[in-house]
Amino acid sequence: MKIDRLLSIVILLMNRQLVQAKELADMFEVSVRTIYRDIDSINGAGIPVVTYQGANGGIGLMEGYRLDRNVLTERELADIFTALRSVSSYGAGEHNLLMEKISSVIPPSKSHAFRSKTTQLIVDFSPWGLQGPLEERLSLLKEALEESTAVAFDYVNADGQISHRIVEPYTLVHKGAGWYLYGFCIQRQDFRLFKLLRMKSLVKEARSFERLDIPLQDLPWTEGWKEPLNTQTVVLHFSAEGRHLAEDYFDCEELEADGNGGYIVRLAYAENNWLYGFLLSFGTVVEVLEPEPVRRRLAGLAAEIAAKYKLL
């Protein structure tokens, strides 16, 4: 991502007097023209970067200028390092160079303390087992985001309907246990959120687009699908055999002992296909006690499943 590259260039210039534009371009796998645009962005942020012409020229900080290393504290640098490592847990590790650069500005006398700070929290977005097609989709979408290039794919919605979409990608989102793409859908002429696991035949389009500023406070994954008007209280009973599942999925303060080794759980959920899939995933170790409409719907779904496996 561009912000990673800009910060990495700044840190590199802090530690080297001059560096060639071609070297930077090769290092970050971009064009020399892109590097010069990055230099303009860095200058615009108030850091005076100068291009020196000639055989011994290159790019460097203005003579006499020293970037205050206290602009970011060691705690803040450690937080950035931790965040970058988390993002790199799913992908080809394109942030590794920037992580090395951040580590390089830490004085040797404080390196042990810095490593301690960066291992206090580890967030790993990668799934258990093989990553496969999802990693390939993420890689392609990252390229499209960097290049402001539209993407096309077939999308399977929650009802199993397939539609072809052309989307201008804006943001990759990891929400809950899934990856999503937020972008402007040409077919719907509006912004939409697409789950990556529901995409098929994903490709980059030949055309680019001009990225708009989008208001962060209105993004769909922050909207209130769990607001009171959209939810209802669901009461679950986990048997003693399902005790470990209840402890895996719910906070200990949400678990009420039933006196027989099991738990009662009361939580607010939106009634939708996700809820029924979630409840069915527990199999026979959970029973919905309330509300009655949810019990009836689950009974119907269970009967349909049983009919599929009915022995002749």
C-alpha atoms as a PDB file:
ATOM      1  CA  MET A   1       0.000   0.000   0.000  1.00  0.00           C
ATOM      2  CA  LYS A   2       1.132   3.547  -0.714  1.00  0.00           C
ATOM      3  CA  ILE A   3       1.263   4.672   2.937  1.00  0.00           C
ATOM      4  CA  ASP A   4       3.609   1.762   3.732  1.00  0.00           C
ATOM      5  CA  ARG A   5       5.907   2.767   0.886  1.00  0.00           C
ATOM      6  CA  LEU A   6       5.956   6.457   1.870  1.00  0.00           C
ATOM      7  CA  LEU A   7       6.832   5.690   5.491  1.00  0.00           C
ATOM      8  CA  SER A   8       9.471   3.207   4.377  1.00  0.00           C
ATOM      9  CA  ILE A   9      11.076   5.790   2.055  1.00  0.00           C
ATOM     10  CA  VAL A  10      11.173   8.382   4.845  1.00  0.00           C
ATOM     11  CA  ILE A  11      12.803   5.951   7.279  1.00  0.00           C
ATOM     12  CA  LEU A  12      15.301   4.907   4.579  1.00  0.00           C
ATOM     13  CA  LEU A  13      16.266   8.551   3.935  1.00  0.00           C
ATOM     14  CA  MET A  14      16.770   9.051   7.664  1.00  0.00           C
ATOM     15  CA  ASN A  15      19.463   6.377   7.595  1.00  0.00           C
ATOM     16  CA  ARG A  16      21.104   7.048   4.215  1.00  0.00           C
ATOM     17  CA  GLN A  17      22.496  10.282   2.811  1.00  0.00           C
ATOM     18  CA  LEU A  18      21.450   9.628  -0.799  1.00  0.00           C
ATOM     19  CA  VAL A  19      19.574   6.904  -2.636  1.00  0.00           C
ATOM     20  CA  GLN A  20      18.895   6.488  -6.349  1.00  0.00           C
ATOM     21  CA  ALA A  21      15.315   6.701  -7.634  1.00  0.00           C
ATOM     22  CA  LYS A  22      15.921   3.527  -9.652  1.00  0.00           C
ATOM     23  CA  GLU A  23      17.040   1.706  -6.495  1.00  0.00           C
ATOM     24  CA  LEU A  24      13.845   2.749  -4.719  1.00  0.00           C
ATOM     25  CA  ALA A  25      11.746   1.725  -7.710  1.00  0.00           C
ATOM     26  CA  ASP A  26      13.369  -1.730  -7.762  1.00  0.00           C
ATOM     27  CA  MET A  27      13.076  -2.059  -3.995  1.00  0.00           C
ATOM     28  CA  PHE A  28       9.317  -1.377  -3.960  1.00  0.00           C
ATOM     29  CA  GLU A  29       8.583  -2.897  -7.390  1.00  0.00           C
ATOM     30  CA  VAL A  30       7.076   0.297  -8.818  1.00  0.00           C
ATOM     31  CA  SER A  31       8.076   2.674 -11.617  1.00  0.00           C
ATOM     32  CA  VAL A  32      10.558   5.525 -11.219  1.00  0.00           C
ATOM     33  CA  ARG A  33       7.690   7.862 -12.046  1.00  0.00           C
ATOM     34  CA  THR A  34       5.751   6.494  -9.062  1.00  0.00           C
ATOM     35  CA  ILE A  35       8.768   7.110  -6.806  1.00  0.00           C
ATOM     36  CA  TYR A  36       8.895  10.764  -7.878  1.00  0.00           C
ATOM     37  CA  ARG A  37       5.180  11.094  -7.137  1.00  0.00           C
ATOM     38  CA  ASP A  38       5.885   9.617  -3.697  1.00  0.00           C
ATOM     39  CA  ILE A  39       8.620  12.224  -3.170  1.00  0.00           C
ATOM     40  CA  ASP A  40       6.109  14.964  -3.999  1.00  0.00           C
ATOM     41  CA  SER A  41       3.714  13.500  -1.420  1.00  0.00           C
ATOM     42  CA  ILE A  42       6.459  13.404   1.230  1.00  0.00           C
ATOM     43  CA  ASN A  43       7.373  17.015   0.470  1.00  0.00           C
ATOM     44  CA  GLY A  44       3.716  17.923   0.780  1.00  0.00           C
ATOM     45  CA  ALA A  45       3.719  16.416   4.275  1.00  0.00           C
ATOM     46  CA  GLY A  46       6.416  18.913   5.320  1.00  0.00           C
ATOM     47  CA  ILE A  47       9.509  16.714   5.020  1.00  0.00           C
ATOM     48  CA  PRO A  48      11.963  18.441   2.621  1.00  0.00           C
ATOM     49  CA  VAL A  49      13.222  15.782   0.224  1.00  0.00           C
ATOM     50  CA  VAL A  50      15.650  17.015  -2.438  1.00  0.00           C
ATOM     51  CA  THR A  51      16.699  15.452  -5.751  1.00  0.00           C
ATOM     52  CA  TYR A  52      20.388  15.996  -6.564  1.00  0.00           C
ATOM     53  CA  GLN A  53      21.389  15.745 -10.230  1.00  0.00           C
ATOM     54  CA  GLY A  54      24.624  14.342 -11.660  1.00  0.00           C
ATOM     55  CA  ALA A  55      26.646  11.147 -11.521  1.00  0.00           C
ATOM     56  CA  ASN A  56      26.790  11.181  -7.720  1.00  0.00           C
ATOM     57  CA  GLY A  57      23.254  12.503  -7.322  1.00  0.00           C
ATOM     58  CA  GLY A  58      20.187  10.901  -5.892  1.00  0.00           C
ATOM     59  CA  ILE A  59      17.362  11.553  -3.472  1.00  0.00           C
ATOM     60  CA  GLY A  60      17.999  12.733   0.079  1.00  0.00           C
ATOM     61  CA  LEU A  61      16.776  14.925   2.881  1.00  0.00           C
ATOM     62  CA  MET A  62      17.590  18.634   2.591  1.00  0.00           C
ATOM     63  CA  GLU A  63      21.078  19.372   3.973  1.00  0.00           C
ATOM     64  CA  GLY A  64      20.894  20.382   7.600  1.00  0.00           C
ATOM     65  CA  TYR A  65      17.414  18.921   8.054  1.00  0.00           C
ATOM     66  CA  ARG A  66      16.944  16.205  10.587  1.00  0.00           C
ATOM     67  CA  LEU A  67      13.641  14.464  11.090  1.00  0.00           C
ATOM     68  CA  ASP A  68      12.775  14.377  14.772  1.00  0.00           C
ATOM     69  CA  ARG A  69      12.849  10.730  15.710  1.00  0.00           C
ATOM     70  CA  ASN A  70      10.601  11.592  18.645  1.00  0.00           C
ATOM     71  CA  VAL A  71       7.737  12.357  16.255  1.00  0.00           C
ATOM     72  CA  LEU A  72       6.839   8.732  16.928  1.00  0.00           C
ATOM     73  CA  THR A  73       7.561   7.225  20.311  1.00  0.00           C
ATOM     74  CA  GLU A  74       8.973   3.720  20.679  1.00  0.00           C
ATOM     75  CA  ARG A  75       5.560   2.561  21.865  1.00  0.00           C
ATOM     76  CA  GLU A  76       3.940   4.025  18.743  1.00  0.00           C
ATOM     77  CA  LEU A  77       6.574   2.446  16.489  1.00  0.00           C
ATOM     78  CA  ALA A  78       5.950  -0.879  18.228  1.00  0.00           C
ATOM     79  CA  ASP A  79       2.201  -0.516  17.617  1.00  0.00           C
ATOM     80  CA  ILE A  80       2.826   0.205  13.918  1.00  0.00           C
ATOM     81  CA  PHE A  81       5.155  -2.813  13.720  1.00  0.00           C
ATOM     82  CA  THR A  82       2.521  -5.042  15.359  1.00  0.00           C
ATOM     83  CA  ALA A  83      -0.199  -3.813  12.995  1.00  0.00           C
ATOM     84  CA  LEU A  84       1.989  -4.411   9.933  1.00  0.00           C
ATOM     85  CA  ARG A  85       2.834  -7.925  11.080  1.00  0.00           C
ATOM     86  CA  SER A  86      -0.881  -8.631  11.549  1.00  0.00           C
ATOM     87  CA  VAL A  87      -1.693  -7.460   8.025  1.00  0.00           C
ATOM     88  CA  SER A  88       1.239  -9.476   6.655  1.00  0.00           C
ATOM     89  CA  SER A  89      -0.102 -12.647   8.249  1.00  0.00           C
ATOM     90  CA  TYR A  90      -2.330 -13.008   5.203  1.00  0.00           C
ATOM     91  CA  GLY A  91      -0.388 -12.420   2.005  1.00  0.00           C
ATOM     92  CA  ALA A  92       3.098 -12.457   0.584  1.00  0.00           C
ATOM     93  CA  GLY A  93       4.655 -10.411   3.363  1.00  0.00           C
ATOM     94  CA  GLU A  94       4.981  -7.197   1.371  1.00  0.00           C
ATOM     95  CA  HIS A  95       5.317  -5.251   4.627  1.00  0.00           C
ATOM     96  CA  ASN A  96       8.466  -7.070   5.739  1.00  0.00           C
ATOM     97  CA  LEU A  97      10.781  -4.389   4.327  1.00  0.00           C
ATOM     98  CA  LEU A  98       8.977  -1.620   6.199  1.00  0.00           C
ATOM     99  CA  MET A  99       9.081  -3.675   9.400  1.00  0.00           C
ATOM    100  CA  GLU A 100      12.855  -4.002   8.990  1.00  0.00           C
ATOM    101  CA  LYS A 101      13.161  -0.253   8.455  1.00  0.00           C
ATOM    102  CA  ILE A 102      11.192   0.470  11.626  1.00  0.00           C
ATOM    103  CA  SER A 103      13.407  -1.912  13.591  1.00  0.00           C
ATOM    104  CA  SER A 104      16.517  -0.177  12.185  1.00  0.00           C
ATOM    105  CA  VAL A 105      15.705   3.170  13.828  1.00  0.00           C
ATOM    106  CA  ILE A 106      15.587   1.629  17.302  1.00  0.00           C
ATOM    107  CA  PRO A 107      18.903   2.108  19.147  1.00  0.00           C
ATOM    108  CA  PRO A 108      20.678  -1.190  19.933  1.00  0.00           C
ATOM    109  CA  SER A 109      20.442  -0.474  23.640  1.00  0.00           C
ATOM    110  CA  LYS A 110      16.628  -0.490  23.371  1.00  0.00           C
ATOM    111  CA  SER A 111      16.170  -3.284  20.833  1.00  0.00           C
ATOM    112  CA  HIS A 112      15.354  -5.917  23.467  1.00  0.00           C
ATOM    113  CA  ALA A 113      12.611  -3.751  24.991  1.00  0.00           C
ATOM    114  CA  PHE A 114      11.266  -2.979  21.503  1.00  0.00           C
ATOM    115  CA  ARG A 115      11.052  -6.685  20.593  1.00  0.00           C
ATOM    116  CA  SER A 116       9.253  -7.288  23.864  1.00  0.00           C
ATOM    117  CA  LYS A 117       6.656  -4.626  23.002  1.00  0.00           C
ATOM    118  CA  THR A 118       6.092  -6.059  19.513  1.00  0.00           C
ATOM    119  CA  THR A 119       5.378  -9.564  20.838  1.00  0.00           C
ATOM    120  CA  GLN A 120       2.858  -8.579  23.502  1.00  0.00           C
ATOM    121  CA  LEU A 121       0.026  -8.773  20.959  1.00  0.00           C
ATOM    122  CA  ILE A 122      -0.155 -10.960  17.860  1.00  0.00           C
ATOM    123  CA  VAL A 123      -3.151 -10.846  15.508  1.00  0.00           C
ATOM    124  CA  ASP A 124      -3.068 -13.521  12.806  1.00  0.00           C
ATOM    125  CA  PHE A 125      -5.717 -13.137  10.099  1.00  0.00           C
ATOM    126  CA  SER A 126      -4.706 -16.301   8.246  1.00  0.00           C
ATOM    127  CA  PRO A 127      -7.006 -19.335   8.556  1.00  0.00           C
ATOM    128  CA  TRP A 128      -6.078 -22.740   9.896  1.00  0.00           C
ATOM    129  CA  GLY A 129      -4.825 -25.011   7.155  1.00  0.00           C
ATOM    130  CA  LEU A 130      -4.251 -24.125   3.505  1.00  0.00           C
ATOM    131  CA  GLN A 131      -5.153 -20.638   2.272  1.00  0.00           C
ATOM    132  CA  GLY A 132      -5.624 -21.380  -1.418  1.00  0.00           C
ATOM    133  CA  PRO A 133      -7.916 -19.265  -3.663  1.00  0.00           C
ATOM    134  CA  LEU A 134      -8.741 -16.692  -0.990  1.00  0.00           C
ATOM    135  CA  GLU A 135      -5.093 -15.633  -0.724  1.00  0.00           C
ATOM    136  CA  GLU A 136      -4.972 -15.266  -4.512  1.00  0.00           C
ATOM    137  CA  ARG A 137      -8.068 -13.041  -4.451  1.00  0.00           C
ATOM    138  CA  LEU A 138      -6.560 -10.880  -1.724  1.00  0.00           C
ATOM    139  CA  SER A 139      -3.340 -10.477  -3.676  1.00  0.00           C
ATOM    140  CA  LEU A 140      -5.189  -9.471  -6.866  1.00  0.00           C
ATOM    141  CA  LEU A 141      -7.422  -7.018  -4.997  1.00  0.00           C
ATOM    142  CA  LYS A 142      -4.438  -5.417  -3.289  1.00  0.00           C
ATOM    143  CA  GLU A 143      -2.919  -4.795  -6.709  1.00  0.00           C
ATOM    144  CA  ALA A 144      -6.179  -3.317  -7.976  1.00  0.00           C
ATOM    145  CA  LEU A 145      -6.422  -1.034  -4.939  1.00  0.00           C
ATOM    146  CA  GLU A 146      -2.854   0.158  -5.408  1.00  0.00           C
ATOM    147  CA  GLU A 147      -3.413   0.839  -9.110  1.00  0.00           C
ATOM    148  CA  SER A 148      -7.000   2.189  -8.774  1.00  0.00           C
ATOM    149  CA  THR A 149      -8.100  -0.421 -11.290  1.00  0.00           C
ATOM    150  CA  ALA A 150     -11.623  -1.826 -11.542  1.00  0.00           C
ATOM    151  CA  VAL A 151     -12.247  -5.545 -11.004  1.00  0.00           C
ATOM    152  CA  ALA A 152     -14.861  -7.918 -12.406  1.00  0.00           C
ATOM    153  CA  PHE A 153     -16.264 -11.097 -10.871  1.00  0.00           C
ATOM    154  CA  ASP A 154     -19.324 -13.327 -10.608  1.00  0.00           C
ATOM    155  CA  TYR A 155     -20.968 -12.946  -7.211  1.00  0.00           C
ATOM    156  CA  VAL A 156     -23.088 -15.537  -5.415  1.00  0.00           C
ATOM    157  CA  ASN A 157     -25.425 -13.902  -2.893  1.00  0.00           C
ATOM    158  CA  ALA A 158     -26.899 -15.457   0.253  1.00  0.00           C
ATOM    159  CA  ASP A 159     -29.849 -16.840  -1.756  1.00  0.00           C
ATOM    160  CA  GLY A 160     -27.577 -18.581  -4.243  1.00  0.00           C
ATOM    161  CA  GLN A 161     -28.259 -16.122  -7.076  1.00  0.00           C
ATOM    162  CA  ILE A 162     -25.296 -15.348  -9.375  1.00  0.00           C
ATOM    163  CA  SER A 163     -24.709 -11.928 -10.897  1.00  0.00           C
ATOM    164  CA  HIS A 164     -21.790 -10.427 -12.810  1.00  0.00           C
ATOM    165  CA  ARG A 165     -20.288  -7.348 -11.141  1.00  0.00           C
ATOM    166  CA  ILE A 166     -17.777  -4.702 -12.160  1.00  0.00           C
ATOM    167  CA  VAL A 167     -16.530  -2.877  -9.074  1.00  0.00           C
ATOM    168  CA  GLU A 168     -14.187   0.011  -8.362  1.00  0.00           C
ATOM    169  CA  PRO A 169     -12.391  -1.292  -5.233  1.00  0.00           C
ATOM    170  CA  TYR A 170     -11.904   1.054  -2.274  1.00  0.00           C
ATOM    171  CA  THR A 171     -11.196  -0.956   0.875  1.00  0.00           C
ATOM    172  CA  LEU A 172     -10.427  -4.497   2.000  1.00  0.00           C
ATOM    173  CA  VAL A 173     -12.206  -5.246   5.267  1.00  0.00           C
ATOM    174  CA  HIS A 174     -11.637  -8.068   7.746  1.00  0.00           C
ATOM    175  CA  LYS A 175     -14.797  -8.304   9.827  1.00  0.00           C
ATOM    176  CA  GLY A 176     -15.588 -11.147  12.180  1.00  0.00           C
ATOM    177  CA  ALA A 177     -14.045 -14.203  10.561  1.00  0.00           C
ATOM    178  CA  GLY A 178     -14.292 -13.082   6.935  1.00  0.00           C
ATOM    179  CA  TRP A 179     -12.706 -10.838   4.310  1.00  0.00           C
ATOM    180  CA  TYR A 180     -14.833  -8.323   2.384  1.00  0.00           C
ATOM    181  CA  LEU A 181     -14.355  -5.842  -0.450  1.00  0.00           C
ATOM    182  CA  TYR A 182     -16.012  -2.432  -0.196  1.00  0.00           C
ATOM    183  CA  GLY A 183     -16.324  -0.699  -3.532  1.00  0.00           C
ATOM    184  CA  PHE A 184     -18.477   1.127  -6.046  1.00  0.00           C
ATOM    185  CA  CYS A 185     -20.602  -1.332  -8.033  1.00  0.00           C
ATOM    186  CA  ILE A 186     -21.116  -0.191 -11.641  1.00  0.00           C
ATOM    187  CA  GLN A 187     -24.271  -2.305 -12.026  1.00  0.00           C
ATOM    188  CA  ARG A 188     -25.936  -0.906  -8.884  1.00  0.00           C
ATOM    189  CA  GLN A 189     -24.409   2.589  -9.187  1.00  0.00           C
ATOM    190  CA  ASP A 190     -23.730   2.578  -5.452  1.00  0.00           C
ATOM    191  CA  PHE A 191     -21.210   1.364  -2.896  1.00  0.00           C
ATOM    192  CA  ARG A 192     -21.571  -2.273  -1.862  1.00  0.00           C
ATOM    193  CA  LEU A 193     -19.860  -4.758   0.473  1.00  0.00           C
ATOM    194  CA  PHE A 194     -18.843  -8.086  -1.123  1.00  0.00           C
ATOM    195  CA  LYS A 195     -17.658 -11.189   0.715  1.00  0.00           C
ATOM    196  CA  LEU A 196     -14.504 -12.573  -0.917  1.00  0.00           C
ATOM    197  CA  LEU A 197     -15.571 -16.197  -0.408  1.00  0.00           C
ATOM    198  CA  ARG A 198     -18.615 -15.513  -2.618  1.00  0.00           C
ATOM    199  CA  MET A 199     -16.547 -14.230  -5.560  1.00  0.00           C
ATOM    200  CA  LYS A 200     -15.846 -16.370  -8.637  1.00  0.00           C
ATOM    201  CA  SER A 201     -13.700 -15.699 -11.736  1.00  0.00           C
ATOM    202  CA  LEU A 202     -12.140 -12.534 -10.263  1.00  0.00           C
ATOM    203  CA  VAL A 203     -10.072 -10.512 -12.769  1.00  0.00           C
ATOM    204  CA  LYS A 204      -8.670  -6.989 -13.074  1.00  0.00           C
ATOM    205  CA  GLU A 205     -10.274  -4.758 -15.686  1.00  0.00           C
ATOM    206  CA  ALA A 206      -8.203  -2.733 -18.164  1.00  0.00           C
ATOM    207  CA  ARG A 207      -9.682   0.604 -17.069  1.00  0.00           C
ATOM    208  CA  SER A 208      -8.695   2.674 -14.051  1.00  0.00           C
ATOM    209  CA  PHE A 209     -10.838   5.043 -11.981  1.00  0.00           C
ATOM    210  CA  GLU A 210     -10.410   8.150  -9.875  1.00  0.00           C
ATOM    211  CA  ARG A 211     -10.765   7.323  -6.198  1.00  0.00           C
ATOM    212  CA  LEU A 212     -13.220   9.480  -4.243  1.00  0.00           C
ATOM    213  CA  ASP A 213     -12.994  10.465  -0.584  1.00  0.00           C
ATOM    214  CA  ILE A 214     -15.483   8.309   1.314  1.00  0.00           C
ATOM    215  CA  PRO A 215     -16.831   9.295   4.763  1.00  0.00           C
ATOM    216  CA  LEU A 216     -15.544   6.717   7.226  1.00  0.00           C
ATOM    217  CA  GLN A 217     -18.431   7.242   9.641  1.00  0.00           C
ATOM    218  CA  ASP A 218     -20.944   5.938   7.067  1.00  0.00           C
ATOM    219  CA  LEU A 219     -19.229   2.683   6.127  1.00  0.00           C
ATOM    220  CA  PRO A 220     -21.626  -0.295   6.116  1.00  0.00           C
ATOM    221  CA  TRP A 221     -19.683  -2.576   8.460  1.00  0.00           C
ATOM    222  CA  THR A 222     -20.035   0.060  11.210  1.00  0.00           C
ATOM    223  CA  GLU A 223     -23.795   0.430  10.726  1.00  0.00           C
ATOM    224  CA  GLY A 224     -26.159  -0.890  13.369  1.00  0.00           C
ATOM    225  CA  TRP A 225     -27.407  -4.253  12.182  1.00  0.00           C
ATOM    226  CA  LYS A 226     -27.442  -5.089  15.882  1.00  0.00           C
ATOM    227  CA  GLU A 227     -29.501  -2.038  16.871  1.00  0.00           C
ATOM    228  CA  PRO A 228     -32.584  -2.842  19.040  1.00  0.00           C
ATOM    229  CA  LEU A 229     -34.975  -2.508  16.089  1.00  0.00           C
ATOM    230  CA  ASN A 230     -33.107  -5.202  14.172  1.00  0.00           C
ATOM    231  CA  THR A 231     -32.516  -7.740  16.926  1.00  0.00           C
ATOM    232  CA  GLN A 232     -34.262 -10.004  19.371  1.00  0.00           C
ATOM    233  CA  THR A 233     -33.113 -11.906  22.431  1.00  0.00           C
ATOM    234  CA  VAL A 234     -32.299 -15.531  21.715  1.00  0.00           C
ATOM    235  CA  VAL A 235     -31.987 -17.916  24.673  1.00  0.00           C
ATOM    236  CA  LEU A 236     -29.757 -20.942  24.102  1.00  0.00           C
ATOM    237  CA  HIS A 237     -29.224 -24.028  26.245  1.00  0.00           C
ATOM    238  CA  PHE A 238     -25.953 -25.893  25.834  1.00  0.00           C
ATOM    239  CA  SER A 239     -25.890 -29.419  27.222  1.00  0.00           C
ATOM    240  CA  ALA A 240     -22.952 -30.658  29.284  1.00  0.00           C
ATOM    241  CA  GLU A 241     -21.591 -32.305  26.109  1.00  0.00           C
ATOM    242  CA  GLY A 242     -21.525 -28.904  24.427  1.00  0.00           C
ATOM    243  CA  ARG A 243     -20.013 -27.031  27.345  1.00  0.00           C
ATOM    244  CA  HIS A 244     -16.645 -26.616  25.594  1.00  0.00           C
ATOM    245  CA  LEU A 245     -18.321 -25.091  22.512  1.00  0.00           C
ATOM    246  CA  ALA A 246     -20.151 -22.538  24.637  1.00  0.00           C
ATOM    247  CA  GLU A 247     -16.879 -21.612  26.301  1.00  0.00           C
ATOM    248  CA  ASP A 248     -15.199 -21.274  22.887  1.00  0.00           C
ATOM    249  CA  TYR A 249     -17.823 -18.999  21.329  1.00  0.00           C
ATOM    250  CA  PHE A 250     -19.093 -16.856  24.206  1.00  0.00           C
ATOM    251  CA  ASP A 251     -17.604 -14.705  26.930  1.00  0.00           C
ATOM    252  CA  CYS A 252     -17.523 -16.320  30.352  1.00  0.00           C
ATOM    253  CA  GLU A 253     -19.731 -13.514  31.708  1.00  0.00           C
ATOM    254  CA  GLU A 254     -22.420 -14.461  29.172  1.00  0.00           C
ATOM    255  CA  LEU A 255     -22.565 -18.061  30.396  1.00  0.00           C
ATOM    256  CA  GLU A 256     -25.104 -19.012  33.088  1.00  0.00           C
ATOM    257  CA  ALA A 257     -24.628 -22.469  34.642  1.00  0.00           C
ATOM    258  CA  ASP A 258     -27.753 -24.677  34.403  1.00  0.00           C
ATOM    259  CA  GLY A 259     -26.821 -26.866  37.390  1.00  0.00           C
ATOM    260  CA  ASN A 260     -26.296 -29.956  35.231  1.00  0.00           C
ATOM    261  CA  GLY A 261     -22.940 -29.128  33.673  1.00  0.00           C
ATOM    262  CA  GLY A 262     -24.379 -27.076  30.821  1.00  0.00           C
ATOM    263  CA  TYR A 263     -24.988 -23.377  30.165  1.00  0.00           C
ATOM    264  CA  ILE A 264     -27.784 -20.927  29.395  1.00  0.00           C
ATOM    265  CA  VAL A 265     -26.834 -18.066  27.052  1.00  0.00           C
ATOM    266  CA  ARG A 266     -28.972 -14.960  26.389  1.00  0.00           C
ATOM    267  CA  LEU A 267     -27.862 -12.746  23.516  1.00  0.00           C
ATOM    268  CA  ALA A 268     -29.365 -10.286  21.022  1.00  0.00           C
ATOM    269  CA  TYR A 269     -29.190 -11.409  17.399  1.00  0.00           C
ATOM    270  CA  ALA A 270     -30.615 -10.272  14.084  1.00  0.00           C
ATOM    271  CA  GLU A 271     -32.866 -12.991  12.678  1.00  0.00           C
ATOM    272  CA  ASN A 272     -31.365 -13.872   9.301  1.00  0.00           C
ATOM    273  CA  ASN A 273     -29.769 -16.751   7.412  1.00  0.00           C
ATOM    274  CA  TRP A 274     -26.495 -16.238   9.275  1.00  0.00           C
ATOM    275  CA  LEU A 275     -28.226 -16.821  12.638  1.00  0.00           C
ATOM    276  CA  TYR A 276     -29.764 -20.125  11.558  1.00  0.00           C
ATOM    277  CA  GLY A 277     -26.512 -21.331  10.039  1.00  0.00           C
ATOM    278  CA  PHE A 278     -24.709 -20.384  13.250  1.00  0.00           C
ATOM    279  CA  LEU A 279     -27.222 -22.235  15.445  1.00  0.00           C
ATOM    280  CA  LEU A 280     -27.227 -25.348  13.243  1.00  0.00           C
ATOM    281  CA  SER A 281     -23.421 -25.469  13.401  1.00  0.00           C
ATOM    282  CA  PHE A 282     -23.688 -26.553  17.065  1.00  0.00           C
ATOM    283  CA  GLY A 283     -25.572 -29.723  16.112  1.00  0.00           C
ATOM    284  CA  THR A 284     -27.454 -31.498  18.888  1.00  0.00           C
ATOM    285  CA  VAL A 285     -25.634 -29.964  21.866  1.00  0.00           C
ATOM    286  CA  VAL A 286     -27.660 -26.740  21.768  1.00  0.00           C
ATOM    287  CA  GLU A 287     -31.402 -26.060  22.060  1.00  0.00           C
ATOM    288  CA  VAL A 288     -33.080 -22.726  21.395  1.00  0.00           C
ATOM    289  CA  LEU A 289     -35.423 -22.074  24.302  1.00  0.00           C
ATOM    290  CA  GLU A 290     -36.729 -18.712  23.058  1.00  0.00           C
ATOM    291  CA  PRO A 291     -38.213 -17.156  20.989  1.00  0.00           C
ATOM    292  CA  GLU A 292     -40.770 -19.601  19.653  1.00  0.00           C
ATOM    293  CA  PRO A 293     -40.589 -18.453  15.990  1.00  0.00           C
ATOM    294  CA  VAL A 294     -36.872 -19.218  15.915  1.00  0.00           C
ATOM    295  CA  ARG A 295     -37.528 -22.666  17.445  1.00  0.00           C
ATOM    296  CA  ARG A 296     -40.119 -23.424  14.761  1.00  0.00           C
ATOM    297  CA  ARG A 297     -37.864 -22.266  11.936  1.00  0.00           C
ATOM    298  CA  LEU A 298     -34.985 -24.401  13.233  1.00  0.00           C
ATOM    299  CA  ALA A 299     -37.302 -27.406  13.543  1.00  0.00           C
ATOM    300  CA  GLY A 300     -38.320 -26.945   9.914  1.00  0.00           C
ATOM    301  CA  LEU A 301     -34.720 -26.668   8.752  1.00  0.00           C
ATOM    302  CA  ALA A 302     -33.749 -29.757  10.783  1.00  0.00           C
ATOM    303  CA  ALA A 303     -36.634 -31.706   9.189  1.00  0.00           C
ATOM    304  CA  GLU A 304     -35.488 -30.688   5.704  1.00  0.00           C
ATOM    305  CA  ILE A 305     -31.944 -31.821   6.513  1.00  0.00           C
ATOM    306  CA  ALA A 306     -33.193 -35.136   7.923  1.00  0.00           C
ATOM    307  CA  ALA A 307     -35.277 -35.735   4.787  1.00  0.00           C
ATOM    308  CA  LYS A 308     -32.168 -35.410   2.606  1.00  0.00           C
ATOM    309  CA  TYR A 309     -30.480 -38.216   4.552  1.00  0.00           C
ATOM    310  CA  LYS A 310     -33.508 -40.436   5.044  1.00  0.00           C
ATOM    311  CA  LEU A 311     -32.561 -44.058   4.550  1.00  0.00           C
ATOM    312  CA  LEU A 312     -34.598 -45.919   1.942  1.00  0.00           C
END
